[in-house]
Protein backbone atom coordinates (compact mmCIF):
# COMPACT_ATOMS: atom_id res chain seq x y z
CA UNK A 1 85.94 124.90 129.19
CA UNK A 2 83.31 124.89 131.17
CA UNK A 3 82.69 126.36 134.60
CA UNK A 4 83.35 122.87 136.00
CA UNK A 5 86.64 121.18 133.48
CA UNK A 6 89.30 121.38 130.45
CA UNK A 7 89.15 118.27 128.31
CA UNK A 8 91.52 118.49 124.91
CA UNK A 9 91.09 116.83 121.88
CA UNK A 10 92.41 116.44 118.57
CA UNK A 11 91.16 116.52 115.51
CA UNK A 12 93.04 114.44 112.28
CA UNK A 13 90.76 113.27 109.45
CA UNK A 14 87.95 111.38 111.45
CA UNK A 15 89.89 109.93 113.60
CA UNK A 16 88.98 112.00 117.26
CA UNK A 17 91.63 111.97 120.43
CA UNK A 18 91.58 113.65 124.16
CA UNK A 19 94.07 114.47 125.21
CA UNK A 20 94.11 115.49 128.20
CA UNK A 21 91.08 116.40 131.06
CA UNK A 22 90.50 117.32 133.99
CA UNK A 23 87.60 119.65 136.12
CA UNK A 24 88.11 122.54 138.47
CA UNK A 25 85.56 123.74 141.38
CA UNK A 26 84.50 127.00 141.22
CA UNK A 27 82.37 128.94 143.31
CA UNK A 28 78.97 128.44 142.67
CA UNK A 29 77.37 131.72 144.20
CA UNK A 30 77.45 133.43 147.40
CA UNK A 31 75.60 133.01 150.55
CA UNK A 32 74.45 134.79 153.11
CA UNK A 33 76.80 135.37 156.02
CA UNK A 34 79.46 135.34 154.07
CA UNK A 35 81.35 138.10 152.66
CA UNK A 36 80.51 139.45 149.86
CA UNK A 37 84.35 141.31 148.81
CA UNK A 38 85.23 138.48 149.65
CA UNK A 39 83.38 135.91 147.71
CA UNK A 40 83.67 137.51 144.68
CA UNK A 41 86.94 138.04 145.38
CA UNK A 42 88.13 134.32 146.11
CA UNK A 43 85.65 134.10 142.65
CA UNK A 44 87.50 136.26 140.43
CA UNK A 45 90.64 134.85 140.98
CA UNK A 46 90.32 131.04 140.94
CA UNK A 47 88.71 131.75 137.53
CA UNK A 48 92.04 133.48 136.68
CA UNK A 49 93.79 130.06 137.57
CA UNK A 50 91.55 128.07 136.42
CA UNK A 51 92.35 129.86 132.66
CA UNK A 52 96.01 130.19 133.28
CA UNK A 53 96.35 126.38 134.13
CA UNK A 54 93.78 125.95 130.40
CA UNK A 55 96.48 128.85 128.26
CA UNK A 56 99.84 126.63 130.09
CA UNK A 57 98.22 122.60 129.49
CA UNK A 58 97.74 123.88 125.77
CA UNK A 59 100.97 125.14 125.17
CA UNK A 60 102.20 121.98 126.18
CA UNK A 61 100.07 119.70 124.13
CA UNK A 62 99.74 122.08 121.38
CA UNK A 63 102.87 123.86 120.87
CA UNK A 64 106.61 120.96 120.07
CA UNK A 65 109.44 123.64 119.07
CA UNK A 66 108.39 125.81 119.82
CA UNK A 67 105.58 126.15 116.96
CA UNK A 68 101.90 124.70 117.26
CA UNK A 69 101.77 121.30 116.45
CA UNK A 70 98.57 121.46 115.12
CA UNK A 71 96.43 123.47 111.20
CA UNK A 72 93.56 125.14 114.33
CA UNK A 73 91.96 125.32 116.55
CA UNK A 74 88.54 125.95 117.69
CA UNK A 75 87.36 127.42 120.94
CA UNK A 76 84.20 125.82 122.80
CA UNK A 77 82.48 125.63 126.37
CA UNK A 78 78.94 126.35 127.17
CA UNK A 79 79.97 130.12 129.07
CA UNK A 80 82.31 132.22 128.65
CA UNK A 81 85.45 131.18 129.50
CA UNK A 82 85.96 130.60 126.50
CA UNK A 83 85.87 134.08 125.34
CA UNK A 84 87.95 135.34 128.77
CA UNK A 85 91.08 131.96 127.73
CA UNK A 86 90.78 133.64 123.64
CA UNK A 87 91.34 137.43 125.17
CA UNK A 88 93.65 136.87 127.90
CA UNK A 89 97.13 137.88 127.79
CA UNK A 90 98.38 134.44 129.65
CA UNK A 91 96.77 132.76 126.46
CA UNK A 92 100.27 132.12 123.76
CA UNK A 93 99.84 134.55 121.65
CA UNK A 94 100.80 131.70 119.05
CA UNK A 95 97.90 129.20 119.80
CA UNK A 96 95.82 132.51 119.58
CA UNK A 97 96.87 132.81 115.92
CA UNK A 98 95.76 129.62 115.48
CA UNK A 99 92.44 130.23 116.29
CA UNK A 100 89.62 129.21 114.27
CA UNK A 101 86.77 129.38 115.65
CA UNK A 102 84.77 129.75 119.19
CA UNK A 103 82.07 127.90 119.68
CA UNK A 104 78.56 127.29 122.10
CA UNK A 105 77.70 123.75 122.97
CA UNK A 106 75.63 122.72 125.55
CA UNK A 107 77.86 119.69 127.50
CA UNK A 108 81.05 119.85 128.53
CA UNK A 109 83.58 116.62 128.76
CA UNK A 110 83.51 114.68 125.83
CA UNK A 111 79.97 115.01 124.99
CA UNK A 112 80.80 118.23 124.24
CA UNK A 113 84.39 117.51 123.02
CA UNK A 114 81.96 115.82 120.18
CA UNK A 115 79.27 119.02 119.59
CA UNK A 116 81.88 121.11 119.40
CA UNK A 117 83.16 118.97 116.34
CA UNK A 118 80.24 118.93 114.78
CA UNK A 119 79.43 122.57 115.29
CA UNK A 120 82.91 123.34 112.73
CA UNK A 121 82.29 120.85 110.50
CA UNK A 122 81.98 124.54 107.89
CA UNK A 123 84.62 125.82 109.64
CA UNK A 124 86.86 122.96 109.48
CA UNK A 125 86.17 121.28 106.52
CA UNK A 126 87.60 124.92 104.73
CA UNK A 127 91.24 124.40 106.74
CA UNK A 128 91.28 120.99 105.08
CA UNK A 129 90.92 121.99 101.27
CA UNK A 130 93.03 124.94 101.42
CA UNK A 131 95.53 122.20 103.51
CA UNK A 132 95.42 119.80 100.70
CA UNK A 133 95.63 121.92 97.91
CA UNK A 134 98.80 123.75 99.27
CA UNK A 135 100.20 120.05 100.07
CA UNK A 136 99.10 118.25 97.14
CA UNK A 137 100.96 121.36 94.64
CA UNK A 138 103.76 121.43 96.63
CA UNK A 139 103.98 117.46 96.03
CA UNK A 140 103.55 118.14 92.36
CA UNK A 141 106.30 121.40 92.01
CA UNK A 142 108.58 118.18 93.34
CA UNK A 143 107.09 116.29 90.19
CA UNK A 144 107.46 118.82 87.49
CA UNK A 145 110.70 120.04 88.87
CA UNK A 146 111.84 116.44 88.28
CA UNK A 147 114.04 116.30 91.44
CA UNK A 148 113.15 113.09 92.49
CA UNK A 149 112.89 113.86 95.89
CA UNK A 150 108.64 112.52 95.00
CA UNK A 151 107.22 108.54 95.47
CA UNK A 152 104.38 107.21 94.08
CA UNK A 153 102.16 103.96 94.62
CA UNK A 154 102.11 101.30 97.31
CA UNK A 155 105.22 99.82 96.01
CA UNK A 156 107.64 103.04 95.62
CA UNK A 157 106.26 104.41 98.98
CA UNK A 158 107.07 100.88 101.25
CA UNK A 159 109.97 102.16 100.27
CA UNK A 160 110.99 104.86 100.65
CA UNK A 161 109.39 104.02 103.66
CA UNK A 162 111.49 101.25 104.44
CA UNK A 163 114.69 103.58 104.06
CA UNK A 164 113.34 105.96 106.55
CA UNK A 165 113.31 109.25 103.13
CA UNK A 166 109.50 109.36 103.66
CA UNK A 167 109.31 113.32 104.66
CA UNK A 168 105.09 113.40 104.16
CA UNK A 169 102.70 110.99 103.04
CA UNK A 170 100.20 111.69 101.90
CA UNK A 171 97.30 109.29 102.01
CA UNK A 172 93.33 109.18 100.22
CA UNK A 173 91.11 108.98 102.87
CA UNK A 174 89.27 105.84 100.71
CA UNK A 175 92.38 104.36 99.38
CA UNK A 176 90.98 100.00 99.23
CA UNK A 177 93.84 98.56 99.47
CA UNK A 178 94.48 95.85 102.10
CA UNK A 179 97.96 94.83 103.47
CA UNK A 180 98.36 91.03 104.45
CA UNK A 181 101.14 89.00 106.24
CA UNK A 182 101.49 85.57 105.51
CA UNK A 183 104.03 83.01 107.06
CA UNK A 184 105.26 79.50 105.00
CA UNK A 185 105.45 77.55 108.39
CA UNK A 186 107.97 75.23 106.03
CA UNK A 187 110.37 77.54 105.94
CA UNK A 188 109.74 80.10 109.01
CA UNK A 189 109.72 82.69 106.43
CA UNK A 190 107.07 85.59 106.65
CA UNK A 191 105.89 88.06 103.71
CA UNK A 192 103.63 91.20 103.21
CA UNK A 193 101.01 91.60 99.91
CA UNK A 194 99.72 94.86 99.40
CA UNK A 195 96.07 93.96 97.31
CA UNK A 196 92.14 95.39 96.72
CA UNK A 197 89.85 93.51 98.45
CA UNK A 198 88.39 91.74 95.29
CA UNK A 199 91.91 90.36 95.15
CA UNK A 200 90.90 88.03 98.49
CA UNK A 201 89.81 85.81 96.20
CA UNK A 202 93.02 84.56 94.49
CA UNK A 203 93.60 81.55 95.85
CA UNK A 204 97.68 82.06 93.38
CA UNK A 205 98.47 84.44 96.53
CA UNK A 206 98.12 82.71 100.35
CA UNK A 207 100.05 79.74 97.77
CA UNK A 208 104.21 79.72 97.81
CA UNK A 209 105.19 76.55 95.64
CA UNK A 210 102.68 73.81 97.42
CA UNK A 211 101.95 75.24 100.76
CA UNK A 212 98.86 76.76 101.30
CA UNK A 213 100.27 80.21 103.17
CA UNK A 214 99.48 81.19 106.92
CA UNK A 215 97.45 85.18 107.70
CA UNK A 216 99.23 86.10 110.61
CA UNK A 217 98.16 89.33 109.49
CA UNK A 218 95.12 92.15 108.36
CA UNK A 219 94.54 94.66 107.71
CA UNK A 220 93.34 97.94 105.19
CA UNK A 221 96.74 99.94 104.28
CA UNK A 222 95.51 102.99 105.78
CA UNK A 223 94.62 101.52 109.09
CA UNK A 224 98.25 100.85 109.10
CA UNK A 225 100.17 103.68 108.05
CA UNK A 226 97.94 105.38 110.71
CA UNK A 227 99.46 103.36 113.37
CA UNK A 228 103.23 102.79 112.36
CA UNK A 229 103.85 106.44 110.38
CA UNK A 230 105.76 107.91 112.99
CA UNK A 231 108.14 104.98 112.95
CA UNK A 232 109.72 106.07 109.56
CA UNK A 233 109.86 109.50 110.74
CA UNK A 234 107.15 110.81 108.65
CA UNK A 235 104.44 113.20 109.42
CA UNK A 236 101.21 111.37 107.42
CA UNK A 237 97.99 113.12 105.65
CA UNK A 238 95.26 112.28 104.76
CA UNK A 239 93.78 113.67 102.27
CA UNK A 240 90.23 113.41 100.21
CA UNK A 241 89.66 113.92 96.29
CA UNK A 242 87.49 117.27 96.80
CA UNK A 243 89.78 119.49 95.49
CA UNK A 244 90.89 119.53 92.03
CA UNK A 245 94.40 118.70 93.03
CA UNK A 246 92.97 116.12 95.34
CA UNK A 247 91.14 114.29 92.76
CA UNK A 248 94.58 114.16 90.30
CA UNK A 249 96.56 112.83 93.24
CA UNK A 250 93.79 110.16 93.51
CA UNK A 251 93.18 108.79 89.91
CA UNK A 252 97.35 109.05 88.73
CA UNK A 253 99.22 107.95 91.62
CA UNK A 254 97.16 105.51 93.54
CA UNK A 255 96.21 107.64 96.06
CA UNK A 256 100.23 107.41 97.69
CA UNK A 257 102.71 109.00 97.82
CA UNK A 258 105.31 111.28 99.73
CA UNK A 259 107.00 114.31 99.35
CA UNK A 260 110.89 112.31 100.58
CA UNK A 261 114.26 114.06 101.67
CA UNK A 262 116.65 113.33 99.71
CA UNK A 263 116.26 112.41 96.19
CA UNK A 264 115.41 108.63 95.48
CA UNK A 265 116.41 106.69 91.62
CA UNK A 266 113.17 104.51 92.30
CA UNK A 267 113.91 102.21 88.26
CA UNK A 268 118.05 102.75 89.91
CA UNK A 269 116.87 100.20 93.10
CA UNK A 270 115.36 97.87 91.67
CA UNK A 271 117.39 97.32 88.52
CA UNK A 272 120.19 96.55 91.88
CA UNK A 273 117.31 94.85 93.48
CA UNK A 274 116.74 92.52 91.19
CA UNK A 275 120.44 91.34 90.54
CA UNK A 276 120.04 90.47 94.38
CA UNK A 277 117.56 87.91 94.21
CA UNK A 278 119.08 86.64 90.55
CA UNK A 279 122.86 86.73 92.55
CA UNK A 280 120.76 84.80 96.00
CA UNK A 281 119.91 82.29 92.83
CA UNK A 282 122.74 81.60 91.43
CA UNK A 283 124.02 81.06 94.88
CA UNK A 284 121.36 78.61 95.36
CA UNK A 285 122.07 76.90 92.72
CA UNK A 286 126.30 76.76 93.52
């Protein structure tokens, strides 16, 4: 936020997104022949309206269902507007409590946005570290209390997503799993495989009963999660292995899992699916 305009953006993991931006035309300097008092009054009035617009836009973007939808806020700018906003009665108290840092930047717009991120790395890392420990601590609580409201591993996590059971999807930022979509042109059947990069050399993955399967789609699983998690009604949390809890989640649980809305009995689900496959084969034999 500076004397030329304001930009609103978010940072989630390594993904930066500009949500909205607008320019402002503020009186720059008093000119000879103008009434100094009138100029000062107009200048203060326009500044006030500008700060009000920024504060109102922040509420529209960063508050959902009466509560903040962000973990923290960084206010950045090359002038004193950020301080004016931070101390203003027009700035919503729910957002005021989320302010982590005020940052001086040399630029406006997207260059200023990127510079603010760079200058806030330590602050953002501390917030992420604490948030990560709390999140995975909650995940481990579900396991230790044997609530059944958790999943881990790619297969069970995908099943839980398809059921709409995942409340919070937890994924390691360096998860090395690739999702491929394959098609058998003889049967028109399409299916998905989740493989490690070194498995791409395994030709059997791309064959079905002697038929070579066409690769329709290929992307990292973490990218697929980022593009699709909202379709399953889940929230996505990208974690590191920097904390003790994060490291344990990555090493012991495969770096992917979730906190569920309700108890899911995966062994029984697997047994049911196996029985279903046997029944389908019996029907085919008949």
